[in-house]
Amino acid sequence: MERSVSSSQTHSSAWILHSWLSFALSVGSMAIGIYLLPANGWQKGYLGMGLIFTVGATINMSKTTRDLHESKKMIAKVEEAKVEKLLASNNL
């Protein structure tokens, strides 16, 4: 019986660098924009707090989405193993 091998996808170092640079550039430019905004400190603080919460929520959402995807893959593997075991026991 042939087993399917699940390949683990890895990211290239260029993609990882691109991801971190785009993150740093977007947050940094937004922070500079808030700092240079002609507004009082309370308004800048509110916008800065909103930026921080938005970044945190985005990270949380992406981790949750990844975890749900990984759990579905794990459930599929367990179900596949059960089917293979059932088929193997019936072929004896």
N, C-alpha and C. Protein backbone atom coordinates (compact mmCIF):
# COMPACT_ATOMS: atom_id res chain seq x y z
N MET A 1 0.85 -1.18 0.00
CA MET A 1 0.00 0.00 0.00
C MET A 1 0.89 1.24 0.00
N GLU A 2 0.61 2.14 -0.90
CA GLU A 2 1.42 3.34 -1.04
C GLU A 2 0.84 4.47 -0.21
N ARG A 3 1.67 5.10 0.58
CA ARG A 3 1.23 6.22 1.41
C ARG A 3 1.56 7.53 0.73
N SER A 4 0.65 8.47 0.83
CA SER A 4 0.93 9.80 0.28
C SER A 4 1.79 10.57 1.27
N VAL A 5 2.78 11.23 0.75
CA VAL A 5 3.69 11.99 1.59
C VAL A 5 3.31 13.46 1.51
N SER A 6 3.04 14.05 2.65
CA SER A 6 2.67 15.46 2.72
C SER A 6 3.93 16.30 2.73
N SER A 7 4.06 17.18 1.77
CA SER A 7 5.26 18.01 1.72
C SER A 7 5.05 19.27 2.56
N SER A 8 6.07 19.62 3.30
CA SER A 8 6.01 20.82 4.13
C SER A 8 6.55 21.98 3.31
N GLN A 9 5.73 23.00 3.12
CA GLN A 9 6.15 24.14 2.32
C GLN A 9 6.98 25.08 3.17
N THR A 10 8.17 25.40 2.69
CA THR A 10 9.02 26.34 3.40
C THR A 10 9.11 27.63 2.59
N HIS A 11 9.33 28.71 3.29
CA HIS A 11 9.43 30.01 2.63
C HIS A 11 10.89 30.32 2.34
N SER A 12 11.11 30.97 1.21
CA SER A 12 12.47 31.37 0.86
C SER A 12 12.90 32.54 1.74
N SER A 13 14.20 32.71 1.86
CA SER A 13 14.70 33.81 2.68
C SER A 13 14.32 35.16 2.06
N ALA A 14 14.20 35.21 0.73
CA ALA A 14 13.78 36.45 0.07
C ALA A 14 12.34 36.80 0.45
N TRP A 15 11.47 35.79 0.52
CA TRP A 15 10.07 36.05 0.89
C TRP A 15 9.97 36.51 2.34
N ILE A 16 10.73 35.90 3.21
CA ILE A 16 10.73 36.28 4.63
C ILE A 16 11.24 37.71 4.77
N LEU A 17 12.30 38.05 4.06
CA LEU A 17 12.83 39.41 4.10
C LEU A 17 11.80 40.40 3.57
N HIS A 18 11.15 40.06 2.47
CA HIS A 18 10.11 40.92 1.90
C HIS A 18 8.97 41.14 2.91
N SER A 19 8.55 40.07 3.57
CA SER A 19 7.46 40.17 4.54
C SER A 19 7.82 41.10 5.69
N TRP A 20 9.01 40.93 6.25
CA TRP A 20 9.43 41.77 7.37
C TRP A 20 9.65 43.22 6.93
N LEU A 21 10.24 43.42 5.77
CA LEU A 21 10.47 44.79 5.30
C LEU A 21 9.15 45.50 5.00
N SER A 22 8.21 44.82 4.38
CA SER A 22 6.93 45.46 4.09
C SER A 22 6.17 45.77 5.38
N PHE A 23 6.26 44.89 6.36
CA PHE A 23 5.64 45.14 7.66
C PHE A 23 6.27 46.36 8.33
N ALA A 24 7.59 46.37 8.39
CA ALA A 24 8.29 47.48 9.04
C ALA A 24 8.05 48.80 8.31
N LEU A 25 8.05 48.76 6.99
CA LEU A 25 7.82 49.98 6.20
C LEU A 25 6.40 50.51 6.40
N SER A 26 5.42 49.63 6.40
CA SER A 26 4.04 50.08 6.55
C SER A 26 3.78 50.64 7.95
N VAL A 27 4.24 49.94 8.98
CA VAL A 27 4.03 50.44 10.35
C VAL A 27 4.86 51.70 10.58
N GLY A 28 6.09 51.71 10.09
CA GLY A 28 6.94 52.88 10.27
C GLY A 28 6.40 54.12 9.56
N SER A 29 5.95 53.95 8.33
CA SER A 29 5.43 55.11 7.61
C SER A 29 4.13 55.61 8.23
N MET A 30 3.32 54.69 8.73
CA MET A 30 2.08 55.11 9.41
C MET A 30 2.42 55.86 10.71
N ALA A 31 3.39 55.37 11.45
CA ALA A 31 3.79 56.04 12.70
C ALA A 31 4.37 57.42 12.41
N ILE A 32 5.18 57.54 11.36
CA ILE A 32 5.73 58.85 11.00
C ILE A 32 4.60 59.79 10.57
N GLY A 33 3.65 59.26 9.82
CA GLY A 33 2.51 60.06 9.40
C GLY A 33 1.70 60.57 10.58
N ILE A 34 1.50 59.71 11.56
CA ILE A 34 0.78 60.14 12.76
C ILE A 34 1.59 61.19 13.52
N TYR A 35 2.90 60.98 13.64
CA TYR A 35 3.75 61.92 14.36
C TYR A 35 3.74 63.31 13.70
N LEU A 36 3.78 63.34 12.37
CA LEU A 36 3.85 64.61 11.65
C LEU A 36 2.47 65.24 11.40
N LEU A 37 1.43 64.56 11.80
CA LEU A 37 0.07 65.06 11.59
C LEU A 37 -0.14 66.34 12.40
N PRO A 38 -0.70 67.38 11.79
CA PRO A 38 -0.94 68.61 12.55
C PRO A 38 -2.16 68.47 13.46
N ALA A 39 -1.96 67.75 14.55
CA ALA A 39 -3.05 67.51 15.51
C ALA A 39 -2.44 67.55 16.91
N ASN A 40 -3.32 67.60 17.93
CA ASN A 40 -2.79 67.63 19.29
C ASN A 40 -2.40 66.22 19.75
N GLY A 41 -1.77 66.17 20.90
CA GLY A 41 -1.25 64.90 21.41
C GLY A 41 -2.31 63.84 21.64
N TRP A 42 -3.50 64.24 22.09
CA TRP A 42 -4.57 63.27 22.33
C TRP A 42 -5.01 62.61 21.04
N GLN A 43 -5.13 63.37 19.97
CA GLN A 43 -5.54 62.82 18.69
C GLN A 43 -4.46 61.89 18.12
N LYS A 44 -3.22 62.31 18.23
CA LYS A 44 -2.12 61.46 17.77
C LYS A 44 -2.04 60.17 18.59
N GLY A 45 -2.24 60.30 19.90
CA GLY A 45 -2.24 59.11 20.76
C GLY A 45 -3.34 58.14 20.40
N TYR A 46 -4.52 58.69 20.10
CA TYR A 46 -5.65 57.85 19.72
C TYR A 46 -5.34 57.10 18.42
N LEU A 47 -4.80 57.81 17.44
CA LEU A 47 -4.46 57.17 16.17
C LEU A 47 -3.34 56.14 16.35
N GLY A 48 -2.35 56.47 17.18
CA GLY A 48 -1.27 55.52 17.45
C GLY A 48 -1.77 54.28 18.15
N MET A 49 -2.67 54.46 19.11
CA MET A 49 -3.26 53.31 19.80
C MET A 49 -4.06 52.46 18.82
N GLY A 50 -4.78 53.12 17.92
CA GLY A 50 -5.54 52.39 16.90
C GLY A 50 -4.61 51.59 16.00
N LEU A 51 -3.47 52.18 15.64
CA LEU A 51 -2.48 51.47 14.81
C LEU A 51 -1.97 50.23 15.53
N ILE A 52 -1.63 50.37 16.79
CA ILE A 52 -1.10 49.24 17.56
C ILE A 52 -2.14 48.12 17.69
N PHE A 53 -3.37 48.49 17.99
CA PHE A 53 -4.42 47.48 18.10
C PHE A 53 -4.72 46.82 16.76
N THR A 54 -4.66 47.58 15.68
CA THR A 54 -4.89 47.00 14.35
C THR A 54 -3.80 45.99 14.00
N VAL A 55 -2.56 46.33 14.27
CA VAL A 55 -1.45 45.40 14.01
C VAL A 55 -1.61 44.14 14.86
N GLY A 56 -1.93 44.31 16.14
CA GLY A 56 -2.12 43.15 17.03
C GLY A 56 -3.27 42.27 16.58
N ALA A 57 -4.38 42.88 16.19
CA ALA A 57 -5.53 42.10 15.73
C ALA A 57 -5.21 41.37 14.43
N THR A 58 -4.45 41.99 13.56
CA THR A 58 -4.06 41.34 12.30
C THR A 58 -3.18 40.13 12.56
N ILE A 59 -2.23 40.26 13.46
CA ILE A 59 -1.37 39.13 13.82
C ILE A 59 -2.21 38.01 14.43
N ASN A 60 -3.12 38.37 15.34
CA ASN A 60 -3.99 37.39 15.97
C ASN A 60 -4.85 36.67 14.94
N MET A 61 -5.43 37.41 14.00
CA MET A 61 -6.27 36.81 12.99
C MET A 61 -5.48 35.88 12.08
N SER A 62 -4.27 36.27 11.70
CA SER A 62 -3.48 35.41 10.82
C SER A 62 -3.04 34.14 11.54
N LYS A 63 -2.71 34.23 12.82
CA LYS A 63 -2.36 33.03 13.58
C LYS A 63 -3.56 32.10 13.72
N THR A 64 -4.73 32.67 13.98
CA THR A 64 -5.94 31.86 14.13
C THR A 64 -6.28 31.16 12.82
N THR A 65 -6.18 31.88 11.71
CA THR A 65 -6.45 31.29 10.41
C THR A 65 -5.47 30.16 10.12
N ARG A 66 -4.20 30.37 10.42
CA ARG A 66 -3.20 29.33 10.21
C ARG A 66 -3.48 28.11 11.09
N ASP A 67 -3.82 28.35 12.35
CA ASP A 67 -4.09 27.25 13.27
C ASP A 67 -5.31 26.44 12.83
N LEU A 68 -6.35 27.12 12.35
CA LEU A 68 -7.52 26.40 11.85
C LEU A 68 -7.17 25.55 10.64
N HIS A 69 -6.36 26.10 9.75
CA HIS A 69 -5.93 25.36 8.57
C HIS A 69 -5.11 24.13 8.97
N GLU A 70 -4.19 24.32 9.91
CA GLU A 70 -3.36 23.21 10.38
C GLU A 70 -4.20 22.13 11.05
N SER A 71 -5.21 22.52 11.83
CA SER A 71 -6.03 21.53 12.51
C SER A 71 -6.86 20.74 11.51
N LYS A 72 -7.32 21.39 10.44
CA LYS A 72 -8.06 20.67 9.40
C LYS A 72 -7.16 19.67 8.70
N LYS A 73 -5.90 20.05 8.47
CA LYS A 73 -4.96 19.11 7.86
C LYS A 73 -4.74 17.91 8.77
N MET A 74 -4.64 18.18 10.09
CA MET A 74 -4.41 17.09 11.04
C MET A 74 -5.61 16.15 11.09
N ILE A 75 -6.81 16.72 11.12
CA ILE A 75 -8.03 15.90 11.14
C ILE A 75 -8.10 15.05 9.87
N ALA A 76 -7.75 15.63 8.73
CA ALA A 76 -7.77 14.90 7.47
C ALA A 76 -6.77 13.75 7.50
N LYS A 77 -5.60 13.96 8.09
CA LYS A 77 -4.60 12.90 8.19
C LYS A 77 -5.09 11.77 9.08
N VAL A 78 -5.73 12.13 10.21
CA VAL A 78 -6.25 11.10 11.12
C VAL A 78 -7.34 10.29 10.42
N GLU A 79 -8.24 10.98 9.72
CA GLU A 79 -9.30 10.26 9.01
C GLU A 79 -8.73 9.38 7.91
N GLU A 80 -7.70 9.87 7.21
CA GLU A 80 -7.07 9.06 6.17
C GLU A 80 -6.42 7.82 6.77
N ALA A 81 -5.78 7.97 7.93
CA ALA A 81 -5.16 6.81 8.58
C ALA A 81 -6.22 5.80 9.01
N LYS A 82 -7.37 6.27 9.48
CA LYS A 82 -8.45 5.35 9.86
C LYS A 82 -8.97 4.59 8.66
N VAL A 83 -9.13 5.28 7.54
CA VAL A 83 -9.60 4.61 6.32
C VAL A 83 -8.58 3.60 5.84
N GLU A 84 -7.31 3.97 5.86
CA GLU A 84 -6.26 3.03 5.44
C GLU A 84 -6.22 1.81 6.35
N LYS A 85 -6.40 2.02 7.64
CA LYS A 85 -6.40 0.89 8.59
C LYS A 85 -7.60 -0.01 8.31
N LEU A 86 -8.76 0.58 8.06
CA LEU A 86 -9.96 -0.19 7.77
C LEU A 86 -9.78 -0.98 6.47
N LEU A 87 -9.24 -0.33 5.44
CA LEU A 87 -9.01 -1.02 4.17
C LEU A 87 -7.98 -2.15 4.33
N ALA A 88 -6.94 -1.90 5.10
CA ALA A 88 -5.92 -2.91 5.32
C ALA A 88 -6.48 -4.10 6.08
N SER A 89 -7.36 -3.85 7.05
CA SER A 89 -7.91 -4.96 7.82
C SER A 89 -8.90 -5.78 6.99
N ASN A 90 -9.57 -5.15 6.03
CA ASN A 90 -10.53 -5.86 5.18
C ASN A 90 -9.83 -6.61 4.04
N ASN A 91 -8.61 -6.26 3.72
CA ASN A 91 -7.88 -6.93 2.65
C ASN A 91 -7.15 -8.18 3.12
N LEU A 92 -7.16 -8.43 4.40
CA LEU A 92 -6.47 -9.60 4.93
C LEU A 92 -7.21 -10.81 4.59
